[in-house]
């Protein structure tokens, strides 16, 4: 289910997946097939990790990478879940063909 909350987002962020919802900054973004695919990849990640562990790992990885890079945005960009989603968002068949726990291979790149 896709919901729109324009005041929910910080700066350039436009989408967020919180199982089982996709939140978008504005209605027009519903037409952005790559953004929607990106968020659906996150929903798949959340589902396979039974939701709560996904958020714990996500935050832990962000904290560690923030310390490593001294840059919170660069840390966000390098979270394994984000790397998988960004690198595959334009492949609209990716979710169908995605292996479980595929995000693991993006941990060390």
N, C-alpha and C. Protein backbone atom coordinates (compact mmCIF):
# COMPACT_ATOMS: atom_id res chain seq x y z
N UNK A 1 0.85 -1.17 0.00
CA UNK A 1 0.00 0.00 0.00
C UNK A 1 0.89 1.24 0.00
N UNK A 2 0.56 2.19 -0.84
CA UNK A 2 1.34 3.42 -0.96
C UNK A 2 0.57 4.57 -0.31
N UNK A 3 1.26 5.28 0.58
CA UNK A 3 0.67 6.43 1.27
C UNK A 3 1.53 7.66 1.01
N UNK A 4 0.91 8.84 0.98
CA UNK A 4 1.62 10.09 0.73
C UNK A 4 1.58 10.96 1.98
N UNK A 5 2.77 11.36 2.43
CA UNK A 5 2.93 12.27 3.58
C UNK A 5 4.01 13.27 3.22
N UNK A 6 3.65 14.44 2.76
CA UNK A 6 4.65 15.39 2.28
C UNK A 6 5.52 15.97 3.40
N UNK A 7 5.05 15.99 4.64
CA UNK A 7 5.81 16.58 5.73
C UNK A 7 6.63 15.56 6.51
N UNK A 8 6.66 14.34 6.03
CA UNK A 8 7.32 13.23 6.72
C UNK A 8 8.80 13.13 6.37
N UNK A 9 9.22 13.81 5.31
CA UNK A 9 10.55 13.58 4.74
C UNK A 9 11.52 14.73 4.99
N UNK A 10 12.78 14.35 5.14
CA UNK A 10 13.88 15.27 5.40
C UNK A 10 14.64 15.52 4.10
N UNK A 11 14.85 16.76 3.76
CA UNK A 11 15.64 17.20 2.60
C UNK A 11 15.24 16.47 1.31
N UNK A 12 16.22 15.76 0.73
CA UNK A 12 16.02 15.14 -0.58
C UNK A 12 15.38 13.76 -0.54
N UNK A 13 15.07 13.27 0.63
CA UNK A 13 14.46 11.95 0.73
C UNK A 13 13.01 12.03 0.25
N UNK A 14 12.62 11.07 -0.57
CA UNK A 14 11.27 11.11 -1.16
C UNK A 14 10.45 9.85 -0.93
N UNK A 15 11.08 8.79 -0.47
CA UNK A 15 10.36 7.55 -0.25
C UNK A 15 10.90 6.79 0.94
N UNK A 16 10.03 5.98 1.53
CA UNK A 16 10.40 5.20 2.70
C UNK A 16 9.49 3.98 2.79
N UNK A 17 10.09 2.85 3.07
CA UNK A 17 9.31 1.62 3.25
C UNK A 17 9.32 1.22 4.71
N UNK A 18 8.15 1.11 5.27
CA UNK A 18 7.96 0.59 6.62
C UNK A 18 6.89 -0.47 6.50
N UNK A 19 7.31 -1.71 6.60
CA UNK A 19 6.43 -2.85 6.34
C UNK A 19 5.04 -2.64 6.91
N UNK A 20 4.00 -2.80 6.16
CA UNK A 20 3.89 -3.18 4.75
C UNK A 20 3.62 -1.98 3.83
N UNK A 21 4.01 -0.78 4.27
CA UNK A 21 3.67 0.44 3.54
C UNK A 21 4.86 1.04 2.83
N UNK A 22 4.56 1.75 1.75
CA UNK A 22 5.53 2.62 1.09
C UNK A 22 5.00 4.04 1.29
N UNK A 23 5.81 4.89 1.88
CA UNK A 23 5.45 6.29 2.08
C UNK A 23 6.20 7.13 1.06
N UNK A 24 5.48 8.06 0.43
CA UNK A 24 6.08 8.94 -0.56
C UNK A 24 5.86 10.40 -0.17
N UNK A 25 6.75 11.26 -0.67
CA UNK A 25 6.69 12.69 -0.35
C UNK A 25 5.53 13.39 -1.04
N UNK A 26 5.18 12.93 -2.26
CA UNK A 26 4.05 13.54 -2.96
C UNK A 26 3.41 12.55 -3.92
N UNK A 27 2.22 12.89 -4.35
CA UNK A 27 1.42 12.01 -5.22
C UNK A 27 2.09 11.68 -6.55
N UNK A 28 2.79 12.64 -7.12
CA UNK A 28 3.42 12.44 -8.43
C UNK A 28 4.43 11.30 -8.39
N UNK A 29 5.02 11.05 -7.24
CA UNK A 29 6.03 9.99 -7.12
C UNK A 29 5.44 8.59 -7.30
N UNK A 30 4.14 8.47 -7.21
CA UNK A 30 3.50 7.17 -7.45
C UNK A 30 3.77 6.68 -8.87
N UNK A 31 4.07 7.61 -9.77
CA UNK A 31 4.35 7.28 -11.17
C UNK A 31 5.81 6.94 -11.43
N UNK A 32 6.67 7.13 -10.45
CA UNK A 32 8.11 6.85 -10.60
C UNK A 32 8.33 5.35 -10.37
N UNK A 33 8.34 4.59 -11.46
CA UNK A 33 8.42 3.13 -11.36
C UNK A 33 9.72 2.65 -10.72
N UNK A 34 10.80 3.40 -10.92
CA UNK A 34 12.08 2.99 -10.34
C UNK A 34 12.10 3.24 -8.82
N UNK A 35 11.53 4.34 -8.39
CA UNK A 35 11.42 4.61 -6.95
C UNK A 35 10.54 3.55 -6.28
N UNK A 36 9.42 3.25 -6.90
CA UNK A 36 8.52 2.23 -6.33
C UNK A 36 9.23 0.88 -6.29
N UNK A 37 9.97 0.55 -7.34
CA UNK A 37 10.71 -0.71 -7.35
C UNK A 37 11.77 -0.72 -6.24
N UNK A 38 12.46 0.39 -6.06
CA UNK A 38 13.46 0.53 -4.99
C UNK A 38 12.81 0.23 -3.64
N UNK A 39 11.66 0.83 -3.40
CA UNK A 39 10.98 0.64 -2.12
C UNK A 39 10.44 -0.79 -1.98
N UNK A 40 10.03 -1.41 -3.07
CA UNK A 40 9.58 -2.80 -3.03
C UNK A 40 10.74 -3.75 -2.70
N UNK A 41 11.93 -3.39 -3.16
CA UNK A 41 13.11 -4.19 -2.81
C UNK A 41 13.31 -4.14 -1.29
N UNK A 42 13.13 -2.95 -0.72
CA UNK A 42 13.23 -2.83 0.75
C UNK A 42 12.15 -3.66 1.45
N UNK A 43 10.95 -3.68 0.91
CA UNK A 43 9.90 -4.50 1.51
C UNK A 43 10.27 -5.98 1.49
N UNK A 44 10.90 -6.42 0.40
CA UNK A 44 11.37 -7.81 0.32
C UNK A 44 12.44 -8.08 1.36
N UNK A 45 13.36 -7.14 1.53
CA UNK A 45 14.41 -7.29 2.54
C UNK A 45 13.80 -7.38 3.94
N UNK A 46 12.84 -6.50 4.20
CA UNK A 46 12.20 -6.47 5.51
C UNK A 46 11.47 -7.78 5.79
N UNK A 47 10.77 -8.27 4.79
CA UNK A 47 10.00 -9.51 4.95
C UNK A 47 10.92 -10.70 5.24
N UNK A 48 12.00 -10.82 4.48
CA UNK A 48 12.87 -11.98 4.67
C UNK A 48 13.60 -11.95 6.01
N UNK A 49 13.77 -10.76 6.58
CA UNK A 49 14.42 -10.66 7.89
C UNK A 49 13.40 -10.56 9.02
N UNK A 50 12.15 -10.83 8.70
CA UNK A 50 11.07 -10.82 9.69
C UNK A 50 10.88 -9.44 10.33
N UNK A 51 11.05 -8.43 9.55
CA UNK A 51 10.77 -7.02 9.80
C UNK A 51 11.65 -6.36 10.87
N UNK A 52 11.46 -6.65 12.12
CA UNK A 52 12.20 -5.95 13.18
C UNK A 52 13.72 -6.11 13.05
N UNK A 53 14.24 -7.31 12.80
CA UNK A 53 15.70 -7.42 12.62
C UNK A 53 16.22 -6.55 11.47
N UNK A 54 15.42 -6.36 10.42
CA UNK A 54 15.83 -5.49 9.32
C UNK A 54 16.17 -4.10 9.86
N UNK A 55 15.27 -3.53 10.66
CA UNK A 55 15.47 -2.18 11.17
C UNK A 55 16.66 -2.11 12.13
N UNK A 56 16.85 -3.14 12.92
CA UNK A 56 17.99 -3.17 13.84
C UNK A 56 19.29 -3.20 13.06
N UNK A 57 19.37 -4.09 12.07
CA UNK A 57 20.59 -4.20 11.25
C UNK A 57 20.82 -2.91 10.47
N UNK A 58 19.74 -2.34 9.93
CA UNK A 58 19.84 -1.10 9.14
C UNK A 58 20.47 0.00 9.99
N UNK A 59 19.93 0.22 11.18
CA UNK A 59 20.44 1.28 12.06
C UNK A 59 21.86 0.99 12.50
N UNK A 60 22.15 -0.25 12.87
CA UNK A 60 23.51 -0.61 13.29
C UNK A 60 24.51 -0.37 12.16
N UNK A 61 24.14 -0.78 10.97
CA UNK A 61 25.05 -0.60 9.83
C UNK A 61 25.25 0.89 9.55
N UNK A 62 24.18 1.68 9.66
CA UNK A 62 24.29 3.12 9.44
C UNK A 62 25.22 3.76 10.48
N UNK A 63 25.09 3.37 11.74
CA UNK A 63 25.95 3.92 12.80
C UNK A 63 27.41 3.58 12.53
N UNK A 64 27.70 2.32 12.24
CA UNK A 64 29.08 1.90 11.98
C UNK A 64 29.64 2.63 10.77
N UNK A 65 28.87 2.73 9.71
CA UNK A 65 29.35 3.41 8.51
C UNK A 65 29.48 4.93 8.72
N UNK A 66 28.63 5.49 9.56
CA UNK A 66 28.74 6.93 9.87
C UNK A 66 30.06 7.21 10.58
N UNK A 67 30.45 6.34 11.47
CA UNK A 67 31.73 6.48 12.16
C UNK A 67 32.88 6.28 11.17
N UNK A 68 32.74 5.29 10.32
CA UNK A 68 33.79 4.98 9.34
C UNK A 68 34.00 6.13 8.34
N UNK A 69 32.90 6.67 7.80
CA UNK A 69 32.99 7.72 6.78
C UNK A 69 33.01 9.14 7.35
N UNK A 70 32.64 9.32 8.61
CA UNK A 70 32.44 10.65 9.18
C UNK A 70 31.45 11.47 8.36
N UNK A 71 30.48 10.79 7.81
CA UNK A 71 29.49 11.43 6.93
C UNK A 71 28.23 10.58 6.95
N UNK A 72 27.15 11.11 7.52
CA UNK A 72 25.93 10.32 7.67
C UNK A 72 25.26 10.01 6.34
N UNK A 73 25.35 10.93 5.37
CA UNK A 73 24.71 10.66 4.08
C UNK A 73 25.50 9.59 3.31
N UNK A 74 26.80 9.68 3.33
CA UNK A 74 27.61 8.66 2.67
C UNK A 74 27.39 7.30 3.34
N UNK A 75 27.23 7.32 4.66
CA UNK A 75 26.93 6.09 5.39
C UNK A 75 25.62 5.50 4.90
N UNK A 76 24.59 6.33 4.78
CA UNK A 76 23.29 5.88 4.26
C UNK A 76 23.44 5.26 2.88
N UNK A 77 24.16 5.92 2.01
CA UNK A 77 24.33 5.43 0.64
C UNK A 77 25.04 4.07 0.59
N UNK A 78 25.83 3.76 1.61
CA UNK A 78 26.60 2.53 1.61
C UNK A 78 26.04 1.42 2.48
N UNK A 79 24.87 1.63 3.05
CA UNK A 79 24.20 0.55 3.77
C UNK A 79 23.89 -0.55 2.76
N UNK A 80 24.15 -1.78 3.11
CA UNK A 80 23.98 -2.89 2.16
C UNK A 80 22.57 -2.93 1.58
N UNK A 81 21.55 -2.66 2.39
CA UNK A 81 20.17 -2.67 1.90
C UNK A 81 19.96 -1.60 0.83
N UNK A 82 20.55 -0.43 1.06
CA UNK A 82 20.42 0.67 0.09
C UNK A 82 21.21 0.38 -1.18
N UNK A 83 22.40 -0.17 -1.02
CA UNK A 83 23.21 -0.49 -2.20
C UNK A 83 22.47 -1.48 -3.10
N UNK A 84 21.90 -2.51 -2.49
CA UNK A 84 21.14 -3.48 -3.28
C UNK A 84 19.98 -2.80 -3.99
N UNK A 85 19.24 -1.98 -3.27
CA UNK A 85 18.06 -1.34 -3.86
C UNK A 85 18.44 -0.35 -4.96
N UNK A 86 19.44 0.49 -4.72
CA UNK A 86 19.85 1.47 -5.74
C UNK A 86 20.41 0.79 -6.98
N UNK A 87 21.22 -0.23 -6.79
CA UNK A 87 21.86 -0.87 -7.95
C UNK A 87 20.89 -1.72 -8.77
N UNK A 88 19.73 -2.04 -8.22
CA UNK A 88 18.78 -2.90 -8.92
C UNK A 88 17.41 -2.27 -9.16
N UNK A 89 17.23 -1.02 -8.79
CA UNK A 89 15.92 -0.38 -8.91
C UNK A 89 15.42 -0.27 -10.35
N UNK A 90 16.32 -0.23 -11.31
CA UNK A 90 15.90 -0.09 -12.71
C UNK A 90 15.59 -1.42 -13.37
N UNK A 91 15.87 -2.50 -12.68
CA UNK A 91 15.54 -3.84 -13.17
C UNK A 91 14.17 -4.21 -12.59
N UNK A 92 13.14 -4.01 -13.38
CA UNK A 92 11.78 -4.22 -12.89
C UNK A 92 11.44 -5.69 -12.67
N UNK A 93 12.32 -6.59 -13.08
CA UNK A 93 12.15 -8.02 -12.84
C UNK A 93 12.98 -8.49 -11.64
N UNK A 94 13.73 -7.58 -11.05
CA UNK A 94 14.67 -7.96 -9.99
C UNK A 94 13.99 -8.69 -8.83
N UNK A 95 12.89 -8.17 -8.35
CA UNK A 95 12.24 -8.78 -7.19
C UNK A 95 11.81 -10.21 -7.50
N UNK A 96 11.35 -10.43 -8.71
CA UNK A 96 10.93 -11.79 -9.11
C UNK A 96 12.10 -12.77 -9.10
N UNK A 97 13.27 -12.27 -9.51
CA UNK A 97 14.45 -13.13 -9.67
C UNK A 97 15.41 -13.06 -8.50
N UNK A 98 15.14 -12.23 -7.55
CA UNK A 98 16.03 -11.99 -6.41
C UNK A 98 16.10 -13.21 -5.50
N UNK A 99 17.33 -13.57 -5.12
CA UNK A 99 17.54 -14.64 -4.14
C UNK A 99 17.38 -14.06 -2.74
N UNK A 100 16.96 -14.89 -1.83
CA UNK A 100 16.83 -14.46 -0.44
C UNK A 100 18.18 -14.00 0.10
N UNK A 101 18.16 -12.98 0.92
CA UNK A 101 19.34 -12.43 1.58
C UNK A 101 20.39 -11.92 0.59
N UNK A 102 19.95 -11.45 -0.56
CA UNK A 102 20.86 -10.91 -1.57
C UNK A 102 21.63 -9.69 -1.08
N UNK A 103 21.09 -8.98 -0.10
CA UNK A 103 21.75 -7.79 0.40
C UNK A 103 23.13 -8.11 0.99
N UNK A 104 23.35 -9.36 1.40
CA UNK A 104 24.61 -9.73 2.05
C UNK A 104 25.81 -9.47 1.14
N UNK A 105 25.64 -9.71 -0.15
CA UNK A 105 26.78 -9.51 -1.05
C UNK A 105 27.15 -8.04 -1.21
N UNK A 106 26.30 -7.13 -0.71
CA UNK A 106 26.59 -5.70 -0.79
C UNK A 106 27.21 -5.15 0.50
N UNK A 107 27.45 -6.01 1.47
CA UNK A 107 28.03 -5.57 2.73
C UNK A 107 29.46 -5.08 2.59
N UNK A 108 30.25 -5.74 1.75
CA UNK A 108 31.68 -5.44 1.69
C UNK A 108 32.15 -4.82 0.39
N UNK A 109 31.25 -4.24 -0.36
CA UNK A 109 31.67 -3.61 -1.65
C UNK A 109 31.85 -2.13 -1.48
